[in-house]
């Protein structure tokens, strides 16, 4: 990575925001629910991502069970080759669940800025 790129990526700017007590409590609660610091939460929003709260433990238990079912189907592939399709379906389902419930949603910040300029 070039020195110019490292300089560009440095966080050289501080932003001071004044919150009411209620606003401060809410932003801290939201950041905590997402497993982020307030600074990281605001950075992600600024870059067009809306973080999601961490899923409940039941979500992770469900994924663990799906992985266990997946492993059972994998063991069946030798005897029943079509089980590979079921494995692929379970894998896709797990990936989709993780995207839906854990990945930040992308928003088009530039579009919002353009709309605000009108």
N, C-alpha and C. Protein backbone atom coordinates (compact mmCIF):
# COMPACT_ATOMS: atom_id res chain seq x y z
N UNK A 1 0.85 -1.17 0.00
CA UNK A 1 0.00 0.00 0.00
C UNK A 1 0.90 1.23 0.00
N UNK A 2 0.58 2.21 -0.81
CA UNK A 2 1.41 3.39 -0.91
C UNK A 2 1.24 4.29 0.30
N UNK A 3 2.27 5.12 0.53
CA UNK A 3 2.23 6.04 1.67
C UNK A 3 1.06 7.01 1.54
N UNK A 4 0.79 7.46 0.30
CA UNK A 4 -0.33 8.35 0.07
C UNK A 4 -1.65 7.75 0.49
N UNK A 5 -1.82 6.46 0.21
CA UNK A 5 -3.06 5.77 0.59
C UNK A 5 -3.17 5.68 2.11
N UNK A 6 -2.04 5.40 2.79
CA UNK A 6 -2.08 5.33 4.25
C UNK A 6 -2.44 6.69 4.85
N UNK A 7 -1.88 7.77 4.30
CA UNK A 7 -2.19 9.11 4.77
C UNK A 7 -3.67 9.41 4.57
N UNK A 8 -4.19 9.00 3.42
CA UNK A 8 -5.59 9.27 3.08
C UNK A 8 -6.53 8.54 4.04
N UNK A 9 -6.15 7.35 4.49
CA UNK A 9 -7.01 6.54 5.34
C UNK A 9 -6.95 6.94 6.81
N UNK A 10 -6.01 7.81 7.19
CA UNK A 10 -5.91 8.23 8.58
C UNK A 10 -7.17 8.97 8.98
N UNK A 11 -7.54 8.79 10.20
CA UNK A 11 -8.70 9.52 10.72
C UNK A 11 -8.18 10.80 11.37
N UNK A 12 -8.14 11.86 10.59
CA UNK A 12 -7.58 13.12 11.04
C UNK A 12 -8.62 14.11 11.53
N UNK A 13 -9.88 13.81 11.38
CA UNK A 13 -10.93 14.77 11.69
C UNK A 13 -11.76 14.28 12.87
N UNK A 14 -12.00 15.18 13.79
CA UNK A 14 -12.86 14.88 14.92
C UNK A 14 -14.17 15.63 14.72
N UNK A 15 -15.24 14.98 15.08
CA UNK A 15 -16.56 15.60 15.00
C UNK A 15 -17.13 15.61 16.40
N UNK A 16 -17.54 16.77 16.81
CA UNK A 16 -18.14 16.90 18.13
C UNK A 16 -19.64 17.09 17.95
N UNK A 17 -20.38 16.23 18.59
CA UNK A 17 -21.84 16.26 18.47
C UNK A 17 -22.42 16.44 19.86
N UNK A 18 -23.36 17.32 19.96
CA UNK A 18 -24.04 17.53 21.23
C UNK A 18 -25.37 16.79 21.19
N UNK A 19 -25.55 15.91 22.16
CA UNK A 19 -26.77 15.15 22.30
C UNK A 19 -27.48 15.54 23.58
N UNK A 20 -28.78 15.37 23.57
CA UNK A 20 -29.51 15.44 24.83
C UNK A 20 -29.19 14.16 25.58
N UNK A 21 -29.55 14.11 26.83
CA UNK A 21 -29.33 12.90 27.62
C UNK A 21 -30.06 11.71 27.00
N UNK A 22 -31.29 11.96 26.54
CA UNK A 22 -32.08 10.89 25.91
C UNK A 22 -31.42 10.40 24.62
N UNK A 23 -30.99 11.35 23.77
CA UNK A 23 -30.34 10.99 22.51
C UNK A 23 -29.05 10.21 22.76
N UNK A 24 -28.28 10.67 23.74
CA UNK A 24 -27.03 9.99 24.07
C UNK A 24 -27.30 8.56 24.52
N UNK A 25 -28.30 8.40 25.35
CA UNK A 25 -28.65 7.05 25.81
C UNK A 25 -29.08 6.15 24.66
N UNK A 26 -29.89 6.69 23.75
CA UNK A 26 -30.38 5.90 22.62
C UNK A 26 -29.26 5.50 21.66
N UNK A 27 -28.34 6.44 21.34
CA UNK A 27 -27.27 6.11 20.40
C UNK A 27 -26.34 5.07 21.02
N UNK A 28 -26.09 5.18 22.32
CA UNK A 28 -25.25 4.19 23.01
C UNK A 28 -25.94 2.82 23.03
N UNK A 29 -27.25 2.81 23.28
CA UNK A 29 -27.99 1.55 23.29
C UNK A 29 -27.97 0.89 21.91
N UNK A 30 -28.18 1.70 20.87
CA UNK A 30 -28.19 1.16 19.51
C UNK A 30 -26.81 0.60 19.14
N UNK A 31 -25.77 1.36 19.45
CA UNK A 31 -24.40 0.90 19.15
C UNK A 31 -24.12 -0.40 19.89
N UNK A 32 -24.50 -0.45 21.16
CA UNK A 32 -24.27 -1.66 21.96
C UNK A 32 -25.05 -2.84 21.40
N UNK A 33 -26.29 -2.60 20.99
CA UNK A 33 -27.12 -3.67 20.42
C UNK A 33 -26.50 -4.23 19.14
N UNK A 34 -25.76 -3.38 18.43
CA UNK A 34 -25.10 -3.80 17.18
C UNK A 34 -23.70 -4.35 17.43
N UNK A 35 -23.23 -4.26 18.66
CA UNK A 35 -21.88 -4.72 18.98
C UNK A 35 -20.80 -3.77 18.48
N UNK A 36 -21.14 -2.47 18.41
CA UNK A 36 -20.22 -1.47 17.88
C UNK A 36 -20.02 -0.35 18.88
N UNK A 37 -18.92 0.38 18.70
CA UNK A 37 -18.76 1.63 19.45
C UNK A 37 -19.65 2.67 18.77
N UNK A 38 -19.93 3.76 19.48
CA UNK A 38 -20.71 4.84 18.88
C UNK A 38 -19.98 5.38 17.66
N UNK A 39 -18.66 5.53 17.75
CA UNK A 39 -17.88 6.04 16.62
C UNK A 39 -18.02 5.15 15.40
N UNK A 40 -17.90 3.83 15.60
CA UNK A 40 -18.00 2.90 14.47
C UNK A 40 -19.41 2.89 13.90
N UNK A 41 -20.41 2.98 14.76
CA UNK A 41 -21.80 3.05 14.29
C UNK A 41 -21.99 4.26 13.38
N UNK A 42 -21.51 5.42 13.81
CA UNK A 42 -21.67 6.63 13.00
C UNK A 42 -20.84 6.56 11.72
N UNK A 43 -19.64 5.96 11.77
CA UNK A 43 -18.84 5.79 10.56
C UNK A 43 -19.57 4.94 9.53
N UNK A 44 -20.15 3.82 9.99
CA UNK A 44 -20.85 2.95 9.07
C UNK A 44 -22.05 3.66 8.44
N UNK A 45 -22.80 4.38 9.25
CA UNK A 45 -23.96 5.10 8.71
C UNK A 45 -23.49 6.14 7.70
N UNK A 46 -22.41 6.83 8.00
CA UNK A 46 -21.87 7.84 7.09
C UNK A 46 -21.46 7.22 5.76
N UNK A 47 -20.97 5.99 5.78
CA UNK A 47 -20.52 5.32 4.56
C UNK A 47 -21.66 4.57 3.86
N UNK A 48 -22.88 4.72 4.38
CA UNK A 48 -24.03 4.15 3.70
C UNK A 48 -24.47 2.78 4.18
N UNK A 49 -24.05 2.41 5.39
CA UNK A 49 -24.46 1.12 5.95
C UNK A 49 -25.27 1.36 7.21
N UNK A 50 -26.36 0.63 7.33
CA UNK A 50 -27.18 0.70 8.54
C UNK A 50 -26.96 -0.61 9.29
N UNK A 51 -26.17 -0.54 10.37
CA UNK A 51 -25.90 -1.77 11.13
C UNK A 51 -27.17 -2.34 11.74
N UNK A 52 -27.17 -3.64 11.89
CA UNK A 52 -28.31 -4.32 12.49
C UNK A 52 -27.94 -4.80 13.89
N UNK A 53 -28.91 -4.81 14.77
CA UNK A 53 -28.63 -5.37 16.10
C UNK A 53 -28.20 -6.83 15.99
N UNK A 54 -27.34 -7.23 16.93
CA UNK A 54 -26.90 -8.62 16.95
C UNK A 54 -28.11 -9.52 17.17
N UNK A 55 -28.19 -10.63 16.44
CA UNK A 55 -29.32 -11.54 16.64
C UNK A 55 -29.30 -12.16 18.04
N UNK A 56 -30.47 -12.57 18.46
CA UNK A 56 -30.61 -13.25 19.75
C UNK A 56 -29.87 -14.59 19.72
N UNK A 57 -29.62 -15.17 20.88
CA UNK A 57 -28.89 -16.44 20.95
C UNK A 57 -29.64 -17.56 20.23
N UNK A 58 -30.97 -17.47 20.17
CA UNK A 58 -31.75 -18.50 19.47
C UNK A 58 -31.40 -18.56 17.98
N UNK A 59 -31.06 -17.42 17.40
CA UNK A 59 -30.65 -17.39 16.00
C UNK A 59 -29.41 -18.24 15.81
N UNK A 60 -28.43 -18.08 16.69
CA UNK A 60 -27.18 -18.84 16.56
C UNK A 60 -27.40 -20.31 16.85
N UNK A 61 -28.33 -20.62 17.75
CA UNK A 61 -28.67 -22.02 18.02
C UNK A 61 -29.31 -22.66 16.79
N UNK A 62 -30.18 -21.89 16.11
CA UNK A 62 -30.80 -22.38 14.88
C UNK A 62 -29.74 -22.65 13.82
N UNK A 63 -28.80 -21.73 13.65
CA UNK A 63 -27.74 -21.95 12.67
C UNK A 63 -26.92 -23.18 13.01
N UNK A 64 -26.64 -23.37 14.30
CA UNK A 64 -25.89 -24.56 14.72
C UNK A 64 -26.64 -25.84 14.34
N UNK A 65 -27.95 -25.84 14.55
CA UNK A 65 -28.75 -27.01 14.18
C UNK A 65 -28.74 -27.23 12.66
N UNK A 66 -28.81 -26.14 11.91
CA UNK A 66 -28.77 -26.27 10.44
C UNK A 66 -27.42 -26.84 9.98
N UNK A 67 -26.34 -26.41 10.63
CA UNK A 67 -25.03 -26.97 10.29
C UNK A 67 -24.97 -28.46 10.62
N UNK A 68 -25.60 -28.86 11.72
CA UNK A 68 -25.62 -30.27 12.09
C UNK A 68 -26.40 -31.09 11.06
N UNK A 69 -27.54 -30.57 10.63
CA UNK A 69 -28.33 -31.25 9.59
C UNK A 69 -27.52 -31.33 8.30
N UNK A 70 -26.83 -30.26 7.99
CA UNK A 70 -25.97 -30.22 6.79
C UNK A 70 -24.91 -31.33 6.85
N UNK A 71 -24.29 -31.47 8.00
CA UNK A 71 -23.26 -32.52 8.16
C UNK A 71 -23.84 -33.91 7.96
N UNK A 72 -25.06 -34.14 8.44
CA UNK A 72 -25.70 -35.45 8.27
C UNK A 72 -25.94 -35.72 6.80
N UNK A 73 -26.43 -34.72 6.07
CA UNK A 73 -26.64 -34.90 4.63
C UNK A 73 -25.32 -35.13 3.91
N UNK A 74 -24.26 -34.46 4.35
CA UNK A 74 -22.94 -34.67 3.72
C UNK A 74 -22.49 -36.13 3.86
N UNK A 75 -22.79 -36.73 5.00
CA UNK A 75 -22.41 -38.13 5.21
C UNK A 75 -23.20 -39.07 4.30
N UNK A 76 -24.35 -38.62 3.83
CA UNK A 76 -25.21 -39.45 2.99
C UNK A 76 -24.82 -39.40 1.51
N UNK A 77 -23.99 -38.45 1.13
CA UNK A 77 -23.68 -38.24 -0.29
C UNK A 77 -23.08 -39.49 -0.93
N UNK A 78 -22.24 -40.22 -0.20
CA UNK A 78 -21.62 -41.42 -0.75
C UNK A 78 -22.69 -42.44 -1.17
N UNK A 79 -23.74 -42.57 -0.35
CA UNK A 79 -24.79 -43.54 -0.63
C UNK A 79 -25.92 -42.99 -1.49
N UNK A 80 -26.11 -41.70 -1.38
CA UNK A 80 -27.20 -41.05 -2.11
C UNK A 80 -26.66 -39.74 -2.69
N UNK A 81 -26.08 -39.80 -3.90
CA UNK A 81 -25.42 -38.63 -4.48
C UNK A 81 -26.30 -37.37 -4.58
N UNK A 82 -27.60 -37.55 -4.69
CA UNK A 82 -28.48 -36.38 -4.78
C UNK A 82 -28.50 -35.56 -3.48
N UNK A 83 -27.99 -36.12 -2.41
CA UNK A 83 -27.95 -35.39 -1.14
C UNK A 83 -27.06 -34.16 -1.25
N UNK A 84 -26.17 -34.14 -2.22
CA UNK A 84 -25.31 -32.97 -2.42
C UNK A 84 -26.15 -31.73 -2.76
N UNK A 85 -27.25 -31.94 -3.47
CA UNK A 85 -28.15 -30.82 -3.78
C UNK A 85 -28.80 -30.28 -2.51
N UNK A 86 -29.18 -31.18 -1.62
CA UNK A 86 -29.76 -30.76 -0.35
C UNK A 86 -28.73 -29.98 0.46
N UNK A 87 -27.49 -30.47 0.45
CA UNK A 87 -26.40 -29.76 1.15
C UNK A 87 -26.25 -28.35 0.61
N UNK A 88 -26.25 -28.22 -0.70
CA UNK A 88 -26.11 -26.91 -1.32
C UNK A 88 -27.28 -26.00 -0.93
N UNK A 89 -28.49 -26.55 -0.90
CA UNK A 89 -29.66 -25.78 -0.49
C UNK A 89 -29.55 -25.30 0.95
N UNK A 90 -29.07 -26.16 1.84
CA UNK A 90 -28.89 -25.78 3.25
C UNK A 90 -27.82 -24.70 3.36
N UNK A 91 -26.73 -24.85 2.62
CA UNK A 91 -25.66 -23.84 2.65
C UNK A 91 -26.18 -22.48 2.19
N UNK A 92 -26.92 -22.47 1.10
CA UNK A 92 -27.48 -21.21 0.59
C UNK A 92 -28.45 -20.60 1.60
N UNK A 93 -29.25 -21.45 2.23
CA UNK A 93 -30.20 -20.97 3.23
C UNK A 93 -29.47 -20.34 4.41
N UNK A 94 -28.41 -20.97 4.89
CA UNK A 94 -27.63 -20.44 6.01
C UNK A 94 -27.01 -19.09 5.64
N UNK A 95 -26.43 -19.01 4.45
CA UNK A 95 -25.81 -17.76 4.00
C UNK A 95 -26.84 -16.64 3.92
N UNK A 96 -28.01 -16.96 3.36
CA UNK A 96 -29.07 -15.95 3.27
C UNK A 96 -29.56 -15.50 4.64
N UNK A 97 -29.71 -16.44 5.56
CA UNK A 97 -30.11 -16.07 6.92
C UNK A 97 -29.09 -15.11 7.54
N UNK A 98 -27.81 -15.44 7.39
CA UNK A 98 -26.76 -14.59 7.96
C UNK A 98 -26.77 -13.20 7.32
N UNK A 99 -26.96 -13.13 6.01
CA UNK A 99 -27.00 -11.83 5.35
C UNK A 99 -28.18 -11.00 5.85
N UNK A 100 -29.34 -11.64 5.94
CA UNK A 100 -30.55 -10.93 6.34
C UNK A 100 -30.47 -10.43 7.78
N UNK A 101 -29.95 -11.27 8.67
CA UNK A 101 -30.00 -10.95 10.09
C UNK A 101 -28.72 -10.38 10.69
N UNK A 102 -27.62 -10.37 9.95
CA UNK A 102 -26.39 -9.85 10.54
C UNK A 102 -25.69 -8.77 9.73
N UNK A 103 -25.84 -8.78 8.42
CA UNK A 103 -25.11 -7.83 7.58
C UNK A 103 -25.76 -6.45 7.61
N UNK A 104 -24.94 -5.41 7.69
CA UNK A 104 -25.53 -4.07 7.60
C UNK A 104 -26.22 -3.88 6.26
N UNK A 105 -27.33 -3.16 6.28
CA UNK A 105 -28.04 -2.86 5.03
C UNK A 105 -27.36 -1.68 4.37
N UNK A 106 -27.21 -1.74 3.07
CA UNK A 106 -26.57 -0.67 2.31
C UNK A 106 -27.63 0.34 1.89
N UNK A 107 -27.32 1.60 2.11
CA UNK A 107 -28.19 2.68 1.65
C UNK A 107 -27.37 3.56 0.71
N UNK A 108 -28.03 4.25 -0.19
CA UNK A 108 -27.34 5.10 -1.15
C UNK A 108 -27.24 6.52 -0.60
N UNK A 109 -26.16 6.80 0.13
CA UNK A 109 -25.95 8.10 0.75
C UNK A 109 -25.86 9.18 -0.32
N UNK A 110 -25.18 8.88 -1.43
CA UNK A 110 -25.03 9.87 -2.49
C UNK A 110 -26.39 10.30 -3.04
N UNK A 111 -27.31 9.35 -3.15
CA UNK A 111 -28.67 9.67 -3.61
C UNK A 111 -29.36 10.59 -2.61
N UNK A 112 -29.18 10.31 -1.33
CA UNK A 112 -29.77 11.17 -0.30
C UNK A 112 -29.20 12.58 -0.40
N UNK A 113 -27.88 12.68 -0.64
CA UNK A 113 -27.24 13.98 -0.75
C UNK A 113 -27.79 14.73 -1.97
N UNK A 114 -27.91 14.03 -3.10
CA UNK A 114 -28.46 14.67 -4.32
C UNK A 114 -29.88 15.17 -4.07
N UNK A 115 -30.69 14.37 -3.40
CA UNK A 115 -32.07 14.79 -3.11
C UNK A 115 -32.08 16.02 -2.21
N UNK A 116 -31.13 16.10 -1.30
CA UNK A 116 -31.06 17.22 -0.37
C UNK A 116 -30.60 18.51 -1.04
N UNK A 117 -29.91 18.39 -2.17
CA UNK A 117 -29.41 19.56 -2.89
C UNK A 117 -30.50 20.24 -3.70
N UNK A 118 -31.60 19.56 -3.93
CA UNK A 118 -32.69 20.13 -4.74
C UNK A 118 -33.55 21.08 -3.96
